[in-house]
């Protein structure tokens, strides 16, 4: 006898010996048996699917937590703000060792956690940047965006005026509103109020390695007297009342060492007089 015939005979014997419960026909009993087998198979499939869904839910939760934590780390943490008041100068290093020299009454902000993804600072006031070579480095100010890879440049951002001066390498300047662009090389300067760009090429005073203010010297070439007075207030942390014609212009310089000497350097060429009135300095016409 063949093995498969023997197996079939055994199965037939087992099925033949199956006792039908009372109250059920032979066919109903077999159908109930088959239904129970199918039910057990379905339950096993459901348990397997539930386990898979549980693992997927855990993985999804982990991904959501990781994504949120990364977002918080990059965009809500690591913000740095440096503010200098009147009469203060300071030099600081950025995370990539780029050096920033801040002028008085200036504010600089950046994110140290995002730094190596995006080298970007926001400036209010004036600063000299000495940028290490690397990916794009951007300075955001009210009226313009200044972009470099590695160079030395100065950004002035006060009262709506942005002035960018290149001392080494190349600097791209883009206005905030009109999106006008220009490329500066050593000795060039660009000014804007957010729309048009005024570019000056190869200025003699910009041939020095750094701006004069970093050496505590401030030069003016036919500048409004009010601008000069604002700089005096900023560098010496004083309040000055200008009791004279404010439409006058000044050419000259002063040093950030002695307030009285600086006042003389500004007032004498314009035939003006200055005096203390309590904590206020008053500038008037000579009588």
Protein backbone atom coordinates (compact mmCIF):
# COMPACT_ATOMS: atom_id res chain seq x y z
CA UNK A 1 0.00 0.00 0.00
CA UNK A 2 1.28 3.44 -0.85
CA UNK A 3 2.03 5.93 1.98
CA UNK A 4 -0.48 8.51 0.74
CA UNK A 5 -3.25 5.88 0.65
CA UNK A 6 -2.42 4.94 4.25
CA UNK A 7 -2.68 8.56 5.36
CA UNK A 8 -6.01 9.02 3.63
CA UNK A 9 -7.36 5.89 5.34
CA UNK A 10 -6.28 7.21 8.74
CA UNK A 11 -7.96 10.57 8.11
CA UNK A 12 -11.14 8.81 7.01
CA UNK A 13 -11.02 6.72 10.18
CA UNK A 14 -10.63 9.81 12.41
CA UNK A 15 -13.45 11.59 10.64
CA UNK A 16 -15.63 8.51 10.85
CA UNK A 17 -15.09 8.21 14.58
CA UNK A 18 -16.12 11.85 15.16
CA UNK A 19 -19.23 11.84 17.33
CA UNK A 20 -21.97 14.23 16.36
CA UNK A 21 -23.33 16.21 19.35
CA UNK A 22 -26.92 15.58 20.30
CA UNK A 23 -29.46 17.79 18.60
CA UNK A 24 -27.31 18.41 15.47
CA UNK A 25 -27.15 16.68 12.15
CA UNK A 26 -23.89 15.31 10.84
CA UNK A 27 -23.51 18.23 8.36
CA UNK A 28 -24.26 20.86 11.03
CA UNK A 29 -21.60 19.41 13.33
CA UNK A 30 -18.95 19.49 10.63
CA UNK A 31 -19.86 23.06 9.67
CA UNK A 32 -19.52 24.15 13.32
CA UNK A 33 -16.09 22.53 13.47
CA UNK A 34 -14.91 24.28 10.33
CA UNK A 35 -16.29 27.65 11.57
CA UNK A 36 -14.26 27.29 14.80
CA UNK A 37 -11.07 26.55 12.85
CA UNK A 38 -11.62 29.60 10.63
CA UNK A 39 -12.33 31.77 13.69
CA UNK A 40 -9.03 30.76 15.30
CA UNK A 41 -7.17 31.60 12.09
CA UNK A 42 -8.84 35.02 11.89
CA UNK A 43 -7.93 35.79 15.51
CA UNK A 44 -4.29 34.95 14.80
CA UNK A 45 -4.30 37.31 11.81
CA UNK A 46 -5.88 40.11 13.90
CA UNK A 47 -3.26 39.66 16.64
CA UNK A 48 -0.48 39.83 14.03
CA UNK A 49 -1.96 42.97 12.43
CA UNK A 50 -2.39 44.62 15.86
CA UNK A 51 1.27 44.01 16.69
CA UNK A 52 2.33 45.54 13.39
CA UNK A 53 0.14 48.61 13.91
CA UNK A 54 1.53 49.05 17.42
CA UNK A 55 5.08 49.06 16.10
CA UNK A 56 4.15 51.54 13.37
CA UNK A 57 2.48 53.84 15.94
CA UNK A 58 5.56 53.76 18.19
CA UNK A 59 7.85 54.53 15.24
CA UNK A 60 5.61 57.41 14.11
CA UNK A 61 5.51 58.85 17.64
CA UNK A 62 9.29 58.68 17.88
CA UNK A 63 9.63 60.45 14.50
CA UNK A 64 7.23 63.23 15.58
CA UNK A 65 9.08 63.75 18.88
CA UNK A 66 12.46 63.77 17.10
CA UNK A 67 11.25 66.24 14.45
CA UNK A 68 9.75 68.58 17.05
CA UNK A 69 12.87 68.43 19.22
CA UNK A 70 15.06 69.21 16.20
CA UNK A 71 12.83 72.16 15.25
CA UNK A 72 12.95 73.54 18.80
CA UNK A 73 16.74 73.12 18.94
CA UNK A 74 17.33 74.85 15.61
CA UNK A 75 14.70 77.59 15.70
CA UNK A 76 13.81 78.25 19.36
CA UNK A 77 17.13 77.67 21.10
CA UNK A 78 20.63 79.01 20.55
CA UNK A 79 19.64 82.64 19.84
CA UNK A 80 22.41 85.06 20.79
CA UNK A 81 22.00 88.84 21.19
CA UNK A 82 24.86 91.27 21.78
CA UNK A 83 24.04 94.90 22.51
CA UNK A 84 26.49 97.70 23.15
CA UNK A 85 25.33 100.96 24.66
CA UNK A 86 26.66 104.42 23.98
CA UNK A 87 30.36 104.85 24.67
CA UNK A 88 31.13 101.12 24.25
CA UNK A 89 33.18 99.23 21.67
CA UNK A 90 33.72 95.44 21.66
CA UNK A 91 35.20 92.62 19.60
CA UNK A 92 33.65 89.16 19.57
CA UNK A 93 34.15 85.82 17.82
CA UNK A 94 31.36 83.99 16.03
CA UNK A 95 31.09 80.15 16.13
CA UNK A 96 33.29 79.79 13.00
CA UNK A 97 35.95 82.17 14.45
CA UNK A 98 34.85 85.06 12.24
CA UNK A 99 35.59 88.30 14.10
CA UNK A 100 33.15 91.15 14.60
CA UNK A 101 34.08 94.59 15.94
CA UNK A 102 30.97 96.41 17.15
CA UNK A 103 30.69 100.19 17.30
CA UNK A 104 28.86 102.01 20.08
CA UNK A 105 25.06 101.80 20.26
CA UNK A 106 24.94 98.67 18.08
CA UNK A 107 23.10 95.36 18.24
CA UNK A 108 24.05 92.00 16.70
CA UNK A 109 22.01 88.78 16.79
CA UNK A 110 22.49 85.27 15.39
CA UNK A 111 21.66 81.61 16.12
CA UNK A 112 24.60 79.48 17.25
CA UNK A 113 22.73 76.17 16.80
CA UNK A 114 22.01 76.87 13.11
CA UNK A 115 25.35 78.53 12.46
CA UNK A 116 27.01 75.77 10.47
CA UNK A 117 23.86 75.38 8.38
CA UNK A 118 23.40 79.12 7.83
CA UNK A 119 26.01 81.75 8.67
CA UNK A 120 23.68 84.73 9.16
CA UNK A 121 23.66 87.73 11.50
CA UNK A 122 21.25 90.63 11.94
CA UNK A 123 22.84 94.04 12.55
CA UNK A 124 21.52 97.32 13.88
CA UNK A 125 24.22 99.98 14.16
CA UNK A 126 27.74 99.53 12.79
CA UNK A 127 30.23 96.69 12.73
CA UNK A 128 33.41 95.55 11.01
CA UNK A 129 33.35 91.90 9.89
CA UNK A 130 36.44 89.78 9.32
CA UNK A 131 34.93 86.58 7.91
CA UNK A 132 36.68 83.23 7.79
CA UNK A 133 36.39 81.34 4.52
CA UNK A 134 33.49 78.92 4.26
CA UNK A 135 29.92 78.82 3.01
CA UNK A 136 27.85 81.94 2.47
CA UNK A 137 27.96 84.58 5.22
CA UNK A 138 25.08 87.09 5.32
CA UNK A 139 24.52 90.32 7.21
CA UNK A 140 20.86 91.38 7.35
CA UNK A 141 20.10 95.05 7.96
CA UNK A 142 17.00 97.19 7.55
CA UNK A 143 17.72 98.31 3.99
CA UNK A 144 20.06 95.69 2.52
CA UNK A 145 21.47 92.18 2.63
CA UNK A 146 25.24 91.81 2.43
CA UNK A 147 26.68 88.44 1.36
CA UNK A 148 30.27 87.19 1.29
CA UNK A 149 32.26 83.95 1.45
CA UNK A 150 35.36 85.20 3.26
CA UNK A 151 36.48 88.81 3.40
CA UNK A 152 36.73 92.04 5.45
CA UNK A 153 33.96 94.61 5.22
CA UNK A 154 32.14 97.26 7.25
CA UNK A 155 28.37 97.67 7.53
CA UNK A 156 26.75 100.91 8.76
CA UNK A 157 23.01 100.69 9.44
CA UNK A 158 21.49 103.73 11.15
CA UNK A 159 18.41 105.89 10.58
CA UNK A 160 17.39 103.92 7.49
CA UNK A 161 20.75 104.34 5.74
CA UNK A 162 22.89 101.31 4.99
CA UNK A 163 26.50 101.82 3.92
CA UNK A 164 28.72 98.84 3.06
CA UNK A 165 32.47 99.25 2.54
CA UNK A 166 34.74 96.49 1.26
CA UNK A 167 38.29 96.33 2.65
CA UNK A 168 39.30 92.90 1.36
CA UNK A 169 37.87 90.31 -1.04
CA UNK A 170 34.46 90.74 -2.65
CA UNK A 171 31.09 91.70 -1.16
CA UNK A 172 27.63 91.42 -2.72
CA UNK A 173 25.03 93.97 -1.64
CA UNK A 174 21.31 93.56 -2.36
CA UNK A 175 18.72 96.18 -1.44
CA UNK A 176 15.84 95.01 0.72
CA UNK A 177 13.01 96.56 -1.32
CA UNK A 178 14.02 96.96 -4.97
CA UNK A 179 16.34 93.89 -4.92
CA UNK A 180 19.00 95.86 -6.79
CA UNK A 181 22.42 94.20 -6.58
CA UNK A 182 26.05 95.19 -6.86
CA UNK A 183 29.42 93.55 -6.28
CA UNK A 184 32.05 95.44 -4.31
CA UNK A 185 35.79 94.89 -4.36
CA UNK A 186 38.52 96.42 -2.19
CA UNK A 187 38.06 100.17 -1.70
CA UNK A 188 34.49 100.28 -3.03
CA UNK A 189 31.45 101.48 -1.10
CA UNK A 190 27.69 101.15 -1.59
CA UNK A 191 24.92 103.19 0.04
CA UNK A 192 21.18 102.58 0.01
CA UNK A 193 17.94 103.46 1.77
CA UNK A 194 16.40 100.21 0.60
CA UNK A 195 15.71 101.09 -3.03
CA UNK A 196 18.43 102.63 -5.24
CA UNK A 197 22.11 101.78 -4.83
CA UNK A 198 24.78 104.47 -4.86
CA UNK A 199 28.17 102.89 -5.56
CA UNK A 200 31.53 104.64 -5.17
CA UNK A 201 34.63 103.02 -6.63
CA UNK A 202 38.18 102.98 -5.29
CA UNK A 203 37.73 105.57 -2.55
CA UNK A 204 41.07 106.71 -1.16
CA UNK A 205 39.86 106.70 2.46
CA UNK A 206 38.81 103.05 2.04
CA UNK A 207 42.27 101.85 1.02
CA UNK A 208 43.22 101.36 4.69
CA UNK A 209 42.96 97.78 6.04
CA UNK A 210 40.19 98.78 8.48
CA UNK A 211 37.80 101.72 9.03
CA UNK A 212 39.14 104.59 11.14
CA UNK A 213 36.46 104.20 13.83
CA UNK A 214 38.09 100.93 14.93
CA UNK A 215 41.14 103.06 15.79
CA UNK A 216 38.94 105.53 17.74
CA UNK A 217 39.12 108.18 15.00
CA UNK A 218 36.04 109.59 13.25
CA UNK A 219 36.35 111.49 9.95
CA UNK A 220 33.67 113.54 8.23
CA UNK A 221 33.58 114.96 4.72
CA UNK A 222 30.91 117.64 4.35
CA UNK A 223 28.54 115.76 6.64
CA UNK A 224 25.45 117.35 8.24
CA UNK A 225 26.27 118.82 11.64
CA UNK A 226 23.44 116.79 13.17
CA UNK A 227 25.17 113.58 12.02
CA UNK A 228 28.41 114.67 13.70
CA UNK A 229 26.59 115.53 16.94
CA UNK A 230 24.87 112.14 16.95
CA UNK A 231 28.27 110.46 16.66
CA UNK A 232 29.65 112.53 19.53
CA UNK A 233 26.71 111.46 21.71
CA UNK A 234 27.15 107.85 20.67
CA UNK A 235 30.89 107.64 21.31
CA UNK A 236 31.02 109.56 24.60
CA UNK A 237 27.59 108.65 26.02
CA UNK A 238 26.55 112.28 26.45
CA UNK A 239 23.49 114.34 25.53
CA UNK A 240 24.02 117.41 23.36
CA UNK A 241 21.53 120.18 22.60
CA UNK A 242 22.25 121.98 19.31
CA UNK A 243 21.06 125.58 19.75
CA UNK A 244 22.16 126.80 16.33
CA UNK A 245 21.48 126.34 12.62
CA UNK A 246 21.08 122.59 12.15
CA UNK A 247 21.48 122.86 8.36
CA UNK A 248 25.23 123.40 8.59
CA UNK A 249 27.86 120.91 7.38
CA UNK A 250 31.17 119.81 8.84
CA UNK A 251 34.44 118.47 7.46
CA UNK A 252 37.05 117.30 9.93
CA UNK A 253 37.55 114.65 12.60
CA UNK A 254 37.63 113.91 16.32
CA UNK A 255 39.17 111.21 18.48
CA UNK A 256 37.38 109.04 20.99
CA UNK A 257 39.60 109.97 23.92
CA UNK A 258 38.53 113.29 25.39
CA UNK A 259 35.05 114.78 25.02
CA UNK A 260 36.17 118.37 25.50
CA UNK A 261 38.89 118.08 22.87
CA UNK A 262 36.40 116.46 20.50
CA UNK A 263 33.90 119.29 21.03
CA UNK A 264 36.60 121.87 20.31
CA UNK A 265 37.56 120.10 17.08
CA UNK A 266 33.96 120.26 15.89
CA UNK A 267 32.89 123.67 17.21
CA UNK A 268 35.89 125.93 16.58
CA UNK A 269 35.98 125.51 12.74
CA UNK A 270 32.25 126.34 12.63
CA UNK A 271 32.59 129.34 14.97
CA UNK A 272 30.47 127.64 17.61
CA UNK A 273 30.70 127.56 21.39
CA UNK A 274 29.88 124.74 23.80
CA UNK A 275 29.17 124.68 27.54
CA UNK A 276 27.85 122.36 30.21
CA UNK A 277 24.34 122.90 31.52
CA UNK A 278 23.97 120.34 34.27
CA UNK A 279 24.39 116.96 32.58
CA UNK A 280 23.57 118.44 29.17
CA UNK A 281 26.06 119.94 26.69
CA UNK A 282 24.70 122.97 24.86
CA UNK A 283 26.22 124.19 21.57
CA UNK A 284 25.48 127.76 20.49
CA UNK A 285 26.79 130.40 18.10
CA UNK A 286 29.74 132.49 19.27
CA UNK A 287 28.62 135.96 20.31
